[in-house]
Amino acid sequence: MPASEPLPHFVDDLLGYLHETHPTHATLDGVHTHDDLLEDLSRQGIEQNARALSGYLRRLEEIDRAGLTPIEALEHRMLADHVRGRMFELEEVRTWERNPQMYADVLATSLAAQTLFTHASPPERARRVLSKLRQVPRLIQSARDNIKEPPGIFCKVGIEAMRGTLKFIDDDLPRAFSSVDDLHLLGDLADAQEEASKSVAAYANYLETEVAPKARSSFRLGVDKFEQKVRLEEGLSMPVDKLLNIALRELQKTQEEFRSLAGRAGGKDKDPLELWAKTKAVHPKPGQLVGMGREQVDELKIFLERQGLITVPEGEPIVVAPTPEFYRWSFASMWTPGPFESKPGRAFYYLTDADASWPVERQHEYLRDYNYPTLWSISIHEVYPGHFLHYQHLRKVTSKARRSILFAPASFVEGWAHYCEHMMIEAGFGRTDPGVKLGQLAEALIRLVRFVVGIRLHTEDLSVEQGVRLFRDEAFMEEASARREAERGTFDPTYLVYSIGKLMMLKLRQDYKHEQGKAFSLRTFHDTLLGNGTAPLWLHRKLMLANDSGDVLE
């Protein structure tokens, strides 16, 4: 019998392949050997990718598990699910055949990663962008060839994403390389930008005039695909009816807590929702959102260091800035250099302010969901101690992350950030201002309604309009924000990962604390959790608990 392939060798080979076939993700991970490439999303490329993944799965299954260490045995299971999850996406979910937004997101993110981060000199990054721009017509042709009968809502978001990407190519890219003085390079860049712009604009118009009017397909996954997606991508084997029961239970509990707190803060004769409406009316003025975000980030870091809740590594300063046009569908986001970067770089905390071209009334309606208490929760989620601090810890464990960074389930990444909102209030942040906790509960309600809407959109017959009403009535959102959330559920079916991840993390903390007894330390729990890398929560339980019951949720 030939010797069994060492698991670390397999992992390095798999990651190398994934970085090669997903150059945008490679850049975000801090691997720059493919920075001049766009993904090959042609049907042939998709089919080759599926075959290659099938080969990797066979190699993984041929590894002698008896020779694995206990941790490697856990990783083996995680890797098998991850590869199967990628194959399931390509062969069953088939987003590449259904949603034009995917192509816009790949293009915009690929270009943005070269403009936002300073991993190379401006001229070198400009050359890489030039190479990518020359590949745009090929990418757009793949979208034309692959997407024939998309759901109508996917046409809508796809057109919006394409036109956002177009604005980025036309307006933002030229400014991004204004310091470059190589006239030949600038001339080539301008020519490539013009060709890429024409290609994207033509496709957006084609979607609007030719595809959208005939779009009749359903966006729904159905029960079987939904459950399979959650199992493979998040490591959670649970029927949708049980998941929905958990979501409804937590939603009711959080609403009761919200109403109770609002009632206490406003007086017994005050309607809790009336108090929340008044709270939402106090928000940054248009144009002031970014400045307020900067102040909050500084204050949160000071609180963490004083309370000793988690280790805060030294790193590059965070740039708080307005969201680029291509990414304005996102309310807020954190762009952090990948853990494989050879040296630290700038991290960007983006906040999406009201569009100055909107009527004044619409701007203020939009900013009501950026009220001060809610903004605190957003800054906690995205920066301290959420996504930014998570990545700072990940940089410290690159050797472990080498095996797990691309296998990180969203329920861990987003679950950690959402858990942090809850944990910070527990630790006393904003104790003198009940509005801060009210904001945290309001954000929890949004995530819990996502939990409900995601399931019902894809496994029942809930309509987008009904989803809008749920966000508006159950999470107390404004109409425009509620619509954006409901529409997101159609193309992001498992955006339940925020609440699921938080609940699994709280369960792990509870069980860990029970085992540790008087020796329990919140700081040790957090540092140990993040020190183990980004793995599914079931794996973290195996690593951190002496006696794991296997129950990741209650």
Protein backbone atom coordinates (compact mmCIF):
# COMPACT_ATOMS: atom_id res chain seq x y z
CA MET A 1 0.00 0.00 0.00
CA PRO A 2 1.36 3.47 -0.85
CA ALA A 3 1.98 5.81 2.08
CA SER A 4 -0.99 7.95 3.04
CA GLU A 5 -0.74 11.60 2.00
CA PRO A 6 0.02 13.84 5.00
CA LEU A 7 -2.97 16.05 5.75
CA PRO A 8 -0.89 19.28 5.94
CA HIS A 9 0.41 18.57 2.43
CA PHE A 10 -3.14 18.11 1.18
CA VAL A 11 -4.29 21.35 2.83
CA ASP A 12 -1.44 23.37 1.34
CA ASP A 13 -2.18 21.93 -2.09
CA LEU A 14 -5.92 22.63 -1.77
CA LEU A 15 -5.33 26.20 -0.60
CA GLY A 16 -2.90 26.77 -3.45
CA TYR A 17 -5.52 25.58 -5.92
CA LEU A 18 -8.27 27.71 -4.34
CA HIS A 19 -6.05 30.80 -4.42
CA GLU A 20 -5.26 30.14 -8.08
CA THR A 21 -8.91 29.70 -9.10
CA HIS A 22 -10.20 32.48 -6.80
CA PRO A 23 -7.57 35.23 -7.20
CA THR A 24 -9.82 37.85 -5.60
CA HIS A 25 -10.04 35.81 -2.40
CA ALA A 26 -6.30 35.16 -2.58
CA THR A 27 -5.64 38.91 -2.55
CA LEU A 28 -7.96 39.39 0.42
CA ASP A 29 -6.11 36.59 2.24
CA GLY A 30 -2.82 38.38 1.63
CA VAL A 31 -1.57 36.06 -1.15
CA HIS A 32 -0.49 38.15 -4.16
CA THR A 33 0.81 35.65 -6.71
CA HIS A 34 -2.43 35.94 -8.75
CA ASP A 35 -3.14 39.66 -8.34
CA ASP A 36 -3.24 40.29 -12.08
CA LEU A 37 -6.06 37.80 -12.74
CA LEU A 38 -9.84 37.73 -12.65
CA GLU A 39 -11.75 34.55 -11.93
CA ASP A 40 -12.58 32.29 -14.87
CA LEU A 41 -16.38 32.08 -14.59
CA SER A 42 -17.00 30.60 -18.02
CA ARG A 43 -19.06 27.42 -18.12
CA GLN A 44 -15.91 25.51 -19.02
CA GLY A 45 -14.09 27.07 -16.06
CA ILE A 46 -16.97 26.21 -13.72
CA GLU A 47 -17.04 22.59 -14.92
CA GLN A 48 -13.25 22.27 -14.57
CA ASN A 49 -13.49 23.65 -11.04
CA ALA A 50 -16.18 21.11 -10.10
CA ARG A 51 -14.06 18.25 -11.48
CA ALA A 52 -10.98 19.46 -9.63
CA LEU A 53 -12.89 19.69 -6.35
CA SER A 54 -14.18 16.17 -6.88
CA GLY A 55 -10.57 15.04 -7.28
CA TYR A 56 -9.55 16.78 -4.06
CA LEU A 57 -12.41 15.09 -2.25
CA ARG A 58 -11.22 11.69 -3.48
CA ARG A 59 -7.68 12.46 -2.32
CA LEU A 60 -9.01 13.51 1.08
CA GLU A 61 -11.04 10.32 1.45
CA GLU A 62 -7.98 8.22 0.58
CA ILE A 63 -5.98 9.62 3.48
CA ASP A 64 -5.57 7.01 6.22
CA ARG A 65 -7.48 8.47 9.15
CA ALA A 66 -5.89 6.05 11.58
CA GLY A 67 -2.62 7.93 11.10
CA LEU A 68 -4.06 11.36 11.83
CA THR A 69 -3.58 13.26 15.08
CA PRO A 70 -6.78 14.04 17.03
CA ILE A 71 -6.81 17.62 15.69
CA GLU A 72 -6.11 16.46 12.15
CA ALA A 73 -9.04 14.05 12.39
CA LEU A 74 -11.30 17.01 13.21
CA GLU A 75 -9.80 19.02 10.35
CA HIS A 76 -10.39 16.10 7.99
CA ARG A 77 -14.12 16.25 8.70
CA MET A 78 -14.14 20.03 8.34
CA LEU A 79 -12.28 19.90 5.02
CA ALA A 80 -14.60 17.23 3.59
CA ASP A 81 -17.65 19.36 4.38
CA HIS A 82 -15.96 22.43 2.92
CA VAL A 83 -15.09 20.79 -0.39
CA ARG A 84 -18.56 19.23 -0.63
CA GLY A 85 -20.05 22.65 0.12
CA ARG A 86 -18.15 24.21 -2.78
CA MET A 87 -19.28 21.43 -5.09
CA PHE A 88 -22.87 21.80 -3.87
CA GLU A 89 -22.78 25.51 -4.70
CA LEU A 90 -21.49 24.87 -8.21
CA GLU A 91 -23.66 21.89 -9.08
CA GLU A 92 -26.90 22.37 -7.13
CA VAL A 93 -27.35 25.99 -6.03
CA ARG A 94 -25.75 27.25 -9.27
CA THR A 95 -25.53 30.93 -8.37
CA TRP A 96 -23.26 31.35 -11.38
CA GLU A 97 -26.24 30.45 -13.59
CA ARG A 98 -28.89 32.42 -11.70
CA ASN A 99 -27.57 35.70 -10.32
CA PRO A 100 -25.72 38.38 -12.34
CA GLN A 101 -24.86 40.15 -9.10
CA MET A 102 -22.21 37.50 -8.49
CA TYR A 103 -20.23 38.70 -11.52
CA ALA A 104 -20.49 42.34 -10.49
CA ASP A 105 -19.37 41.54 -6.95
CA VAL A 106 -16.36 39.53 -8.14
CA LEU A 107 -15.28 42.31 -10.48
CA ALA A 108 -15.80 45.16 -8.04
CA THR A 109 -14.14 43.38 -5.13
CA SER A 110 -11.21 42.30 -7.29
CA LEU A 111 -10.55 45.86 -8.46
CA ALA A 112 -11.19 47.38 -5.04
CA ALA A 113 -8.70 45.08 -3.32
CA GLN A 114 -5.95 46.52 -5.54
CA THR A 115 -6.97 50.13 -4.90
CA LEU A 116 -7.78 50.04 -1.18
CA PHE A 117 -4.82 48.11 0.20
CA THR A 118 -1.17 49.17 -0.02
CA HIS A 119 0.51 45.76 -0.37
CA ALA A 120 2.50 47.04 -3.38
CA SER A 121 3.50 50.40 -4.88
CA PRO A 122 0.82 52.40 -6.76
CA PRO A 123 2.44 51.75 -10.18
CA GLU A 124 2.58 47.99 -9.52
CA ARG A 125 -1.03 47.89 -8.36
CA ALA A 126 -2.03 50.00 -11.37
CA ARG A 127 -0.44 47.39 -13.67
CA ARG A 128 -2.40 44.65 -11.94
CA VAL A 129 -5.62 46.63 -12.32
CA LEU A 130 -4.76 47.16 -15.99
CA SER A 131 -4.48 43.41 -16.45
CA LYS A 132 -7.80 42.83 -14.68
CA LEU A 133 -9.58 45.51 -16.73
CA ARG A 134 -8.46 43.84 -19.95
CA GLN A 135 -10.15 40.65 -18.73
CA VAL A 136 -13.49 42.35 -17.98
CA PRO A 137 -15.05 41.67 -21.42
CA ARG A 138 -14.32 37.96 -20.92
CA LEU A 139 -15.95 38.00 -17.47
CA ILE A 140 -19.01 39.84 -18.78
CA GLN A 141 -19.28 37.43 -21.69
CA SER A 142 -19.35 34.57 -19.17
CA ALA A 143 -22.27 36.27 -17.44
CA ARG A 144 -24.09 36.66 -20.76
CA ASP A 145 -23.48 33.01 -21.66
CA ASN A 146 -24.35 31.53 -18.28
CA ILE A 147 -27.35 33.53 -17.07
CA LYS A 148 -30.42 32.91 -19.18
CA GLU A 149 -33.48 32.68 -16.91
CA PRO A 150 -32.73 34.40 -13.60
CA PRO A 151 -35.36 35.28 -11.00
CA GLY A 152 -36.71 38.81 -11.43
CA ILE A 153 -35.34 39.98 -8.08
CA PHE A 154 -31.88 38.76 -9.11
CA CYS A 155 -32.13 40.91 -12.24
CA LYS A 156 -32.97 43.92 -10.08
CA VAL A 157 -30.03 43.51 -7.69
CA GLY A 158 -27.75 42.47 -10.55
CA ILE A 159 -28.50 45.65 -12.50
CA GLU A 160 -27.91 47.76 -9.38
CA ALA A 161 -24.61 45.97 -8.67
CA MET A 162 -23.43 46.30 -12.28
CA ARG A 163 -24.15 50.02 -12.32
CA GLY A 164 -22.45 50.47 -8.96
CA THR A 165 -19.39 48.68 -10.37
CA LEU A 166 -19.58 50.86 -13.48
CA LYS A 167 -19.47 54.00 -11.34
CA PHE A 168 -16.46 52.60 -9.52
CA ILE A 169 -14.62 51.95 -12.81
CA ASP A 170 -15.51 55.35 -14.27
CA ASP A 171 -15.09 57.58 -11.20
CA ASP A 172 -13.10 55.90 -8.46
CA LEU A 173 -10.35 54.04 -10.31
CA PRO A 174 -8.88 57.16 -12.00
CA ARG A 175 -8.64 58.89 -8.61
CA ALA A 176 -7.12 55.80 -6.98
CA PHE A 177 -3.95 56.06 -9.09
CA SER A 178 -3.60 59.83 -9.31
CA SER A 179 -0.07 59.61 -7.86
CA VAL A 180 1.18 57.43 -10.73
CA ASP A 181 3.34 59.51 -13.15
CA ASP A 182 4.04 56.88 -15.82
CA LEU A 183 2.19 58.42 -18.77
CA HIS A 184 2.36 55.24 -20.84
CA LEU A 185 0.83 53.21 -18.01
CA LEU A 186 -1.84 55.85 -17.41
CA GLY A 187 -2.73 55.86 -21.09
CA ASP A 188 -3.08 52.08 -21.18
CA LEU A 189 -5.14 52.22 -18.00
CA ALA A 190 -7.50 54.81 -19.48
CA ASP A 191 -8.00 52.72 -22.64
CA ALA A 192 -8.69 49.57 -20.63
CA GLN A 193 -11.08 51.45 -18.35
CA GLU A 194 -13.06 52.66 -21.35
CA GLU A 195 -13.37 49.16 -22.80
CA ALA A 196 -14.30 47.64 -19.43
CA SER A 197 -16.85 50.41 -18.84
CA LYS A 198 -18.51 49.81 -22.21
CA SER A 199 -18.73 46.08 -21.53
CA VAL A 200 -20.29 46.49 -18.06
CA ALA A 201 -22.70 49.22 -19.21
CA ALA A 202 -23.85 47.17 -22.19
CA TYR A 203 -24.52 44.17 -19.97
CA ALA A 204 -26.48 46.23 -17.43
CA ASN A 205 -28.64 47.56 -20.27
CA TYR A 206 -29.03 44.04 -21.69
CA LEU A 207 -30.23 42.79 -18.30
CA GLU A 208 -32.70 45.64 -18.02
CA THR A 209 -34.14 45.51 -21.54
CA GLU A 210 -33.78 41.86 -22.60
CA VAL A 211 -33.52 39.63 -19.54
CA ALA A 212 -35.56 41.29 -16.78
CA PRO A 213 -38.84 41.57 -18.73
CA LYS A 214 -38.83 37.78 -19.28
CA ALA A 215 -37.54 36.77 -15.83
CA ARG A 216 -39.94 34.28 -14.26
CA SER A 217 -37.74 31.84 -12.32
CA SER A 218 -38.05 31.34 -8.58
CA PHE A 219 -35.30 32.44 -6.22
CA ARG A 220 -36.27 29.78 -3.63
CA LEU A 221 -33.87 26.97 -2.76
CA GLY A 222 -36.43 24.63 -1.21
CA VAL A 223 -36.16 22.69 2.04
CA ASP A 224 -33.64 20.06 0.95
CA LYS A 225 -31.13 22.47 -0.59
CA PHE A 226 -31.50 24.92 2.28
CA GLU A 227 -30.78 22.26 4.90
CA GLN A 228 -27.89 20.88 2.86
CA LYS A 229 -26.39 24.36 2.47
CA VAL A 230 -26.54 25.02 6.22
CA ARG A 231 -25.06 21.61 7.01
CA LEU A 232 -22.13 21.82 4.58
CA GLU A 233 -21.29 25.50 4.96
CA GLU A 234 -21.99 26.00 8.67
CA GLY A 235 -21.59 22.50 10.10
CA LEU A 236 -25.12 22.57 11.49
CA SER A 237 -27.30 19.51 10.90
CA MET A 238 -30.77 20.58 11.91
CA PRO A 239 -34.16 20.47 10.11
CA VAL A 240 -35.59 23.82 9.07
CA ASP A 241 -38.64 23.49 11.31
CA LYS A 242 -36.40 23.24 14.38
CA LEU A 243 -34.27 26.14 13.16
CA LEU A 244 -37.40 28.21 12.63
CA ASN A 245 -38.68 27.37 16.12
CA ILE A 246 -35.39 28.56 17.61
CA ALA A 247 -35.57 31.75 15.55
CA LEU A 248 -39.13 32.52 16.63
CA ARG A 249 -38.34 31.74 20.27
CA GLU A 250 -35.34 34.06 20.31
CA LEU A 251 -37.23 36.75 18.41
CA GLN A 252 -40.04 36.76 20.96
CA LYS A 253 -37.61 36.77 23.89
CA THR A 254 -35.60 39.66 22.44
CA GLN A 255 -38.73 41.67 21.63
CA GLU A 256 -39.93 41.25 25.21
CA GLU A 257 -36.55 42.43 26.53
CA PHE A 258 -36.60 45.37 24.12
CA ARG A 259 -40.09 46.43 25.16
CA SER A 260 -39.28 46.02 28.86
CA LEU A 261 -36.12 48.12 28.64
CA ALA A 262 -37.82 50.77 26.51
CA GLY A 263 -40.69 50.89 28.99
CA ARG A 264 -38.34 51.36 31.96
CA ALA A 265 -36.34 54.03 30.17
CA GLY A 266 -39.40 55.94 28.98
CA GLY A 267 -41.62 55.58 32.03
CA LYS A 268 -44.55 53.28 32.59
CA ASP A 269 -46.94 55.55 30.69
CA LYS A 270 -44.76 55.62 27.57
CA ASP A 271 -45.21 53.32 24.60
CA PRO A 272 -41.87 51.47 24.12
CA LEU A 273 -42.06 51.83 20.36
CA GLU A 274 -42.75 55.53 20.73
CA LEU A 275 -39.58 55.85 22.81
CA TRP A 276 -37.61 53.90 20.19
CA ALA A 277 -38.99 56.14 17.46
CA LYS A 278 -37.73 59.17 19.39
CA THR A 279 -34.37 57.48 19.92
CA LYS A 280 -34.05 56.82 16.20
CA ALA A 281 -34.80 60.47 15.46
CA VAL A 282 -31.48 61.42 17.07
CA HIS A 283 -28.76 60.52 14.60
CA PRO A 284 -25.76 62.03 12.81
CA LYS A 285 -26.66 64.63 10.23
CA PRO A 286 -25.95 63.84 6.58
CA GLY A 287 -22.20 63.98 6.06
CA GLN A 288 -21.36 63.47 9.77
CA LEU A 289 -21.55 59.69 9.96
CA VAL A 290 -17.88 58.97 9.31
CA GLY A 291 -16.68 61.46 11.94
CA MET A 292 -18.94 59.89 14.54
CA GLY A 293 -17.61 56.43 13.58
CA ARG A 294 -14.03 57.60 14.23
CA GLU A 295 -14.94 58.80 17.73
CA GLN A 296 -16.65 55.53 18.57
CA VAL A 297 -13.74 53.36 17.42
CA ASP A 298 -11.35 55.24 19.73
CA GLU A 299 -13.67 54.93 22.72
CA LEU A 300 -14.31 51.21 22.17
CA LYS A 301 -10.60 50.41 22.10
CA ILE A 302 -10.04 52.24 25.38
CA PHE A 303 -12.92 50.32 27.04
CA LEU A 304 -11.57 46.94 25.90
CA GLU A 305 -8.09 47.68 27.19
CA ARG A 306 -9.34 48.92 30.55
CA GLN A 307 -11.72 46.01 31.12
CA GLY A 308 -9.30 43.30 29.96
CA LEU A 309 -12.00 41.43 28.03
CA ILE A 310 -9.67 40.26 25.28
CA THR A 311 -6.10 40.82 24.17
CA VAL A 312 -5.83 43.86 21.85
CA PRO A 313 -2.75 43.40 19.62
CA GLU A 314 -0.95 46.43 18.30
CA GLY A 315 -1.64 47.06 14.64
CA GLU A 316 -1.94 49.64 11.91
CA PRO A 317 -4.49 52.42 12.47
CA ILE A 318 -8.03 51.97 11.18
CA VAL A 319 -9.23 54.31 8.44
CA VAL A 320 -12.91 55.19 8.92
CA ALA A 321 -14.27 56.31 5.55
CA PRO A 322 -17.42 56.57 3.38
CA THR A 323 -18.39 53.34 1.61
CA PRO A 324 -17.25 53.28 -2.06
CA GLU A 325 -20.09 53.58 -4.55
CA PHE A 326 -19.83 49.99 -5.76
CA TYR A 327 -20.44 48.67 -2.24
CA ARG A 328 -23.23 51.00 -1.14
CA TRP A 329 -25.70 48.11 -0.85
CA SER A 330 -23.80 47.35 2.38
CA PHE A 331 -24.82 49.37 5.46
CA ALA A 332 -21.34 49.09 6.96
CA SER A 333 -18.28 46.91 6.32
CA MET A 334 -14.75 46.20 7.53
CA TRP A 335 -11.90 45.65 5.05
CA THR A 336 -8.87 44.20 6.84
CA PRO A 337 -5.58 43.03 5.26
CA GLY A 338 -5.42 39.24 5.15
CA PRO A 339 -3.56 37.15 7.71
CA PHE A 340 -0.96 36.04 5.16
CA GLU A 341 0.24 39.58 4.41
CA SER A 342 3.99 39.90 4.94
CA LYS A 343 3.50 43.18 6.79
CA PRO A 344 0.49 44.95 8.35
CA GLY A 345 -1.42 47.41 6.18
CA ARG A 346 -4.28 49.83 6.57
CA ALA A 347 -7.70 48.53 7.51
CA PHE A 348 -10.86 50.33 6.36
CA TYR A 349 -14.10 50.71 8.31
CA TYR A 350 -16.71 51.84 5.79
CA LEU A 351 -19.98 53.53 6.73
CA THR A 352 -22.65 54.19 4.11
CA ASP A 353 -23.92 57.73 4.64
CA ALA A 354 -27.11 59.06 3.09
CA ASP A 355 -26.79 59.88 -0.61
CA ALA A 356 -26.50 63.65 -0.96
CA SER A 357 -28.64 63.50 -4.12
CA TRP A 358 -31.64 62.14 -2.20
CA PRO A 359 -34.41 64.45 -1.01
CA VAL A 360 -33.81 65.70 2.54
CA GLU A 361 -36.71 63.65 3.91
CA ARG A 362 -35.30 60.44 2.47
CA GLN A 363 -31.83 61.19 3.85
CA HIS A 364 -33.20 61.59 7.37
CA GLU A 365 -35.38 58.48 7.06
CA TYR A 366 -32.30 56.51 6.03
CA LEU A 367 -30.18 57.87 8.89
CA ARG A 368 -32.82 56.94 11.45
CA ASP A 369 -31.38 53.42 11.22
CA TYR A 370 -27.96 54.95 11.99
CA ASN A 371 -29.18 56.43 15.28
CA TYR A 372 -26.47 56.73 17.92
CA PRO A 373 -27.27 53.53 19.91
CA THR A 374 -27.42 51.46 16.72
CA LEU A 375 -24.19 53.00 15.46
CA TRP A 376 -22.47 51.82 18.64
CA SER A 377 -23.52 48.25 17.88
CA ILE A 378 -22.32 48.57 14.29
CA SER A 379 -18.89 49.85 15.39
CA ILE A 380 -18.61 47.04 17.94
CA HIS A 381 -19.54 44.49 15.26
CA GLU A 382 -17.20 45.75 12.57
CA VAL A 383 -14.20 46.96 14.57
CA TYR A 384 -13.78 46.48 18.35
CA PRO A 385 -13.98 43.70 19.35
CA GLY A 386 -15.65 42.38 16.18
CA HIS A 387 -14.21 41.77 12.71
CA PHE A 388 -11.12 43.97 12.92
CA LEU A 389 -9.92 42.57 16.24
CA HIS A 390 -10.73 39.04 15.04
CA TYR A 391 -8.39 39.50 12.09
CA GLN A 392 -5.71 40.97 14.34
CA HIS A 393 -5.78 37.73 16.32
CA LEU A 394 -5.84 35.69 13.12
CA ARG A 395 -2.58 37.30 12.05
CA LYS A 396 -1.01 35.97 15.26
CA VAL A 397 -1.97 32.38 14.45
CA THR A 398 -1.10 32.29 10.75
CA SER A 399 0.34 28.80 11.05
CA LYS A 400 -3.02 27.52 12.28
CA ALA A 401 -4.98 29.82 10.01
CA ARG A 402 -3.08 28.34 7.08
CA ARG A 403 -5.30 25.33 7.57
CA SER A 404 -8.52 27.12 8.32
CA ILE A 405 -8.78 30.64 6.94
CA LEU A 406 -10.48 29.65 3.67
CA PHE A 407 -12.61 27.12 5.49
CA ALA A 408 -14.06 29.65 7.90
CA PRO A 409 -17.84 29.35 8.12
CA ALA A 410 -19.79 32.58 8.10
CA SER A 411 -21.48 31.49 11.32
CA PHE A 412 -18.13 31.81 13.09
CA VAL A 413 -16.96 35.03 11.43
CA GLU A 414 -20.28 36.87 11.66
CA GLY A 415 -21.33 35.01 14.80
CA TRP A 416 -18.27 36.32 16.63
CA ALA A 417 -18.96 39.93 15.62
CA HIS A 418 -22.65 39.67 16.56
CA TYR A 419 -21.78 37.95 19.84
CA CYS A 420 -19.46 40.88 20.62
CA GLU A 421 -22.40 43.31 20.51
CA HIS A 422 -24.09 41.24 23.22
CA MET A 423 -20.91 40.66 25.23
CA MET A 424 -19.90 44.33 25.40
CA ILE A 425 -23.24 45.30 26.95
CA GLU A 426 -22.88 42.42 29.43
CA ALA A 427 -19.45 43.80 30.34
CA GLY A 428 -20.92 47.20 31.18
CA PHE A 429 -20.33 49.24 28.06
CA GLY A 430 -22.86 52.09 27.92
CA ARG A 431 -24.18 51.20 31.36
CA THR A 432 -25.20 54.79 32.11
CA ASP A 433 -27.15 55.13 28.86
CA PRO A 434 -30.00 52.62 28.41
CA GLY A 435 -30.21 53.68 24.78
CA VAL A 436 -26.96 51.82 24.04
CA LYS A 437 -28.47 48.49 25.11
CA LEU A 438 -31.65 49.38 23.27
CA GLY A 439 -29.57 49.77 20.12
CA GLN A 440 -27.91 46.40 20.70
CA LEU A 441 -31.30 44.74 21.10
CA ALA A 442 -32.59 46.46 17.96
CA GLU A 443 -29.65 45.05 15.98
CA ALA A 444 -30.33 41.62 17.47
CA LEU A 445 -33.94 41.90 16.30
CA ILE A 446 -32.82 42.62 12.74
CA ARG A 447 -30.57 39.54 12.76
CA LEU A 448 -33.35 37.39 14.20
CA VAL A 449 -35.83 38.56 11.57
CA ARG A 450 -33.18 37.65 8.97
CA PHE A 451 -33.16 34.22 10.59
CA VAL A 452 -36.93 33.92 10.14
CA VAL A 453 -37.17 35.55 6.70
CA GLY A 454 -34.26 33.58 5.22
CA ILE A 455 -35.91 30.29 6.16
CA ARG A 456 -39.41 31.30 5.08
CA LEU A 457 -38.33 32.88 1.80
CA HIS A 458 -36.55 29.72 0.72
CA THR A 459 -38.51 26.88 2.32
CA GLU A 460 -42.06 28.31 2.43
CA ASP A 461 -43.96 30.72 0.19
CA LEU A 462 -43.10 34.00 1.93
CA SER A 463 -42.93 36.87 -0.57
CA VAL A 464 -40.40 39.69 -0.56
CA GLU A 465 -43.20 42.12 0.32
CA GLN A 466 -44.15 39.99 3.31
CA GLY A 467 -40.49 39.94 4.28
CA VAL A 468 -40.42 43.74 4.14
CA ARG A 469 -43.37 43.89 6.54
CA LEU A 470 -41.66 41.49 8.94
CA PHE A 471 -38.54 43.64 9.11
CA ARG A 472 -40.65 46.77 9.51
CA ASP A 473 -43.10 45.40 12.09
CA GLU A 474 -40.97 42.93 14.06
CA ALA A 475 -37.57 44.66 13.94
CA PHE A 476 -38.95 48.24 13.81
CA MET A 477 -36.98 49.19 10.70
CA GLU A 478 -37.69 52.03 8.31
CA GLU A 479 -39.33 51.10 5.01
CA ALA A 480 -36.28 51.52 2.74
CA SER A 481 -33.97 49.57 5.06
CA ALA A 482 -36.60 46.85 5.56
CA ARG A 483 -36.87 46.41 1.80
CA ARG A 484 -33.12 46.17 1.38
CA GLU A 485 -32.99 43.49 4.08
CA ALA A 486 -35.83 41.44 2.59
CA GLU A 487 -34.34 41.59 -0.91
CA ARG A 488 -30.98 40.47 0.46
CA GLY A 489 -32.63 37.33 1.78
CA THR A 490 -33.37 36.20 -1.76
CA PHE A 491 -29.70 36.05 -2.81
CA ASP A 492 -28.16 35.50 0.64
CA PRO A 493 -30.41 32.69 1.91
CA THR A 494 -28.31 31.80 4.95
CA TYR A 495 -28.00 35.27 6.44
CA LEU A 496 -29.25 33.53 9.54
CA VAL A 497 -25.52 32.95 10.25
CA TYR A 498 -25.34 36.07 12.46
CA SER A 499 -27.87 34.83 14.99
CA ILE A 500 -26.96 31.16 14.64
CA GLY A 501 -23.28 31.92 15.23
CA LYS A 502 -24.00 34.10 18.24
CA LEU A 503 -26.26 31.48 19.81
CA MET A 504 -23.72 28.70 19.24
CA MET A 505 -20.97 30.88 20.72
CA LEU A 506 -23.03 31.65 23.82
CA LYS A 507 -23.72 27.93 24.24
CA LEU A 508 -20.00 27.18 23.95
CA ARG A 509 -19.17 29.88 26.50
CA GLN A 510 -21.77 28.53 28.90
CA ASP A 511 -20.41 24.98 28.64
CA TYR A 512 -16.80 26.16 28.87
CA LYS A 513 -17.58 28.21 31.96
CA HIS A 514 -19.32 25.22 33.56
CA GLU A 515 -16.22 23.09 33.02
CA GLN A 516 -13.77 25.75 34.19
CA GLY A 517 -15.70 26.67 37.32
CA LYS A 518 -13.92 29.29 39.42
CA ALA A 519 -10.97 29.27 37.01
CA PHE A 520 -13.16 30.70 34.21
CA SER A 521 -11.88 33.92 32.65
CA LEU A 522 -13.72 35.77 29.91
CA ARG A 523 -10.43 37.01 28.50
CA THR A 524 -9.02 33.47 28.40
CA PHE A 525 -12.18 32.20 26.71
CA HIS A 526 -11.99 34.87 24.01
CA ASP A 527 -8.24 34.55 23.44
CA THR A 528 -8.46 30.75 23.27
CA LEU A 529 -11.41 30.83 20.89
CA LEU A 530 -9.75 33.23 18.45
CA GLY A 531 -6.39 31.54 18.94
CA ASN A 532 -7.81 28.32 17.50
CA GLY A 533 -8.45 29.99 14.14
CA THR A 534 -11.67 30.25 12.18
CA ALA A 535 -13.31 26.85 12.25
CA PRO A 536 -16.90 25.64 12.57
CA LEU A 537 -18.32 25.94 16.08
CA TRP A 538 -18.64 22.16 16.42
CA LEU A 539 -14.86 21.92 15.98
CA HIS A 540 -14.20 24.68 18.52
CA ARG A 541 -16.27 22.72 21.01
CA LYS A 542 -14.04 19.68 20.47
CA LEU A 543 -10.94 21.79 21.01
CA MET A 544 -12.14 23.69 24.08
CA LEU A 545 -14.34 21.26 26.02
CA ALA A 546 -13.21 18.15 27.84
CA ASN A 547 -16.70 16.67 27.60
CA ASP A 548 -18.53 17.91 24.53
CA SER A 549 -22.19 16.88 24.43
CA GLY A 550 -22.36 17.70 20.72
CA ASP A 551 -25.28 20.06 21.27
CA VAL A 552 -24.20 23.26 19.54
CA LEU A 553 -27.62 24.91 20.03
CA GLU A 554 -30.29 24.76 22.67
